[in-house]
Amino acid sequence: MITIASPLLEAEGGDIVLEDGAAKVSGTDRAVPIPAMAREAYHQTHRFKGQIEPGLTEKGSYDPPGTFSNACHVAIVEVDVKTGKVTVERFLAAETPAG
């Protein structure tokens, strides 16, 4: 996100913070919303001089010690590539009974 925001905000990566759904230049009112960054990353990839691949993706995981789960969650979503709007079409969860 910072790699995408840096040229859009004309700022060094170390001066950019991510908060409230946007990338912001610390100490200023300059900001770019995440949906705008996603559009730029998809439609204006040439602006990033080979630093990114087209599009915007993110992964995360959470695995604290001493916990476990016997469940699976799946979200089926639709993404409007023009606006960046995400619509959840279906959400499924399956759990095994404790025992």
Protein backbone atom coordinates (compact mmCIF):
# COMPACT_ATOMS: atom_id res chain seq x y z
CA MET A 1 0.00 0.00 0.00
CA ILE A 2 2.82 2.41 0.87
CA THR A 3 4.57 1.59 -2.42
CA ILE A 4 1.38 2.55 -4.27
CA ALA A 5 0.66 5.63 -2.14
CA SER A 6 4.17 7.08 -2.33
CA PRO A 7 4.11 8.26 -5.97
CA LEU A 8 0.42 9.21 -5.77
CA LEU A 9 1.10 11.47 -2.78
CA GLU A 10 4.58 12.50 -3.98
CA ALA A 11 6.02 11.51 -0.60
CA GLU A 12 8.63 9.14 0.79
CA GLY A 13 7.28 5.83 2.08
CA GLY A 14 8.49 6.59 5.62
CA ASP A 15 6.27 9.69 5.70
CA ILE A 16 3.08 7.76 4.87
CA VAL A 17 0.70 6.21 7.40
CA LEU A 18 -2.32 3.98 6.76
CA GLU A 19 -5.40 4.96 8.76
CA ASP A 20 -9.13 5.50 8.38
CA GLY A 21 -9.25 3.73 5.00
CA ALA A 22 -6.59 5.89 3.38
CA ALA A 23 -2.88 6.48 3.00
CA LYS A 24 -1.92 9.83 4.48
CA VAL A 25 1.23 11.94 4.57
CA SER A 26 2.08 12.41 8.26
CA GLY A 27 1.54 15.95 9.50
CA THR A 28 -0.44 17.08 6.43
CA ASP A 29 -3.96 16.83 5.06
CA ARG A 30 -2.74 15.01 1.94
CA ALA A 31 -4.39 11.58 1.59
CA VAL A 32 -5.53 9.05 -0.97
CA PRO A 33 -8.37 6.58 -0.19
CA ILE A 34 -7.70 2.84 -0.56
CA PRO A 35 -10.29 2.45 -3.40
CA ALA A 36 -8.45 5.16 -5.38
CA MET A 37 -5.13 3.37 -4.80
CA ALA A 38 -6.70 0.10 -5.99
CA ARG A 39 -7.91 1.77 -9.22
CA GLU A 40 -4.48 3.29 -9.85
CA ALA A 41 -2.75 -0.03 -9.15
CA TYR A 42 -5.01 -1.71 -11.71
CA HIS A 43 -5.37 0.95 -14.42
CA GLN A 44 -2.16 3.01 -14.07
CA THR A 45 0.49 0.36 -13.32
CA HIS A 46 3.03 2.17 -15.52
CA ARG A 47 3.17 5.00 -12.94
CA PHE A 48 4.89 2.67 -10.45
CA LYS A 49 7.94 1.98 -12.66
CA GLY A 50 7.90 -1.80 -12.26
CA GLN A 51 7.58 -1.76 -8.46
CA ILE A 52 4.17 -3.48 -8.44
CA GLU A 53 2.15 -5.99 -10.43
CA PRO A 54 -1.25 -4.85 -11.75
CA GLY A 55 -3.98 -4.93 -9.11
CA LEU A 56 -4.07 -4.83 -5.34
CA THR A 57 -4.01 -7.91 -3.10
CA GLU A 58 -3.40 -8.54 0.57
CA LYS A 59 -3.14 -11.62 2.77
CA GLY A 60 -3.08 -12.01 6.50
CA SER A 61 -3.19 -14.69 9.14
CA TYR A 62 -3.67 -14.93 12.87
CA ASP A 63 -2.35 -17.87 14.84
CA PRO A 64 -1.92 -17.09 18.54
CA PRO A 65 -0.40 -19.80 20.74
CA GLY A 66 -2.77 -22.18 22.55
CA THR A 67 -5.83 -21.77 20.33
CA PHE A 68 -7.39 -23.98 17.69
CA SER A 69 -10.43 -24.06 15.51
CA ASN A 70 -12.39 -26.75 13.75
CA ALA A 71 -14.23 -24.49 11.35
CA CYS A 72 -14.08 -23.20 7.80
CA HIS A 73 -15.43 -19.87 6.54
CA VAL A 74 -15.87 -18.97 2.87
CA ALA A 75 -16.92 -15.61 1.44
CA ILE A 76 -18.16 -15.31 -2.12
CA VAL A 77 -17.82 -11.68 -3.16
CA GLU A 78 -18.25 -9.51 -6.21
CA VAL A 79 -15.73 -6.73 -6.80
CA ASP A 80 -16.57 -3.80 -9.07
CA VAL A 81 -13.17 -3.11 -10.69
CA LYS A 82 -14.26 0.38 -11.70
CA THR A 83 -15.17 1.58 -8.21
CA GLY A 84 -13.43 -0.92 -5.92
CA LYS A 85 -16.76 -1.67 -4.21
CA VAL A 86 -16.98 -5.16 -2.71
CA THR A 87 -20.36 -6.86 -2.32
CA VAL A 88 -20.66 -10.02 -0.23
CA GLU A 89 -22.90 -12.37 -2.21
CA ARG A 90 -22.72 -15.33 0.15
CA PHE A 91 -20.92 -16.22 3.38
CA LEU A 92 -20.69 -19.82 4.55
CA ALA A 93 -19.37 -21.28 7.79
CA ALA A 94 -18.96 -24.94 8.72
CA GLU A 95 -17.97 -26.14 12.18
CA THR A 96 -17.38 -29.54 13.69
CA PRO A 97 -19.12 -30.21 16.99
CA ALA A 98 -16.98 -30.18 20.11
CA GLY A 99 -16.40 -33.55 21.59
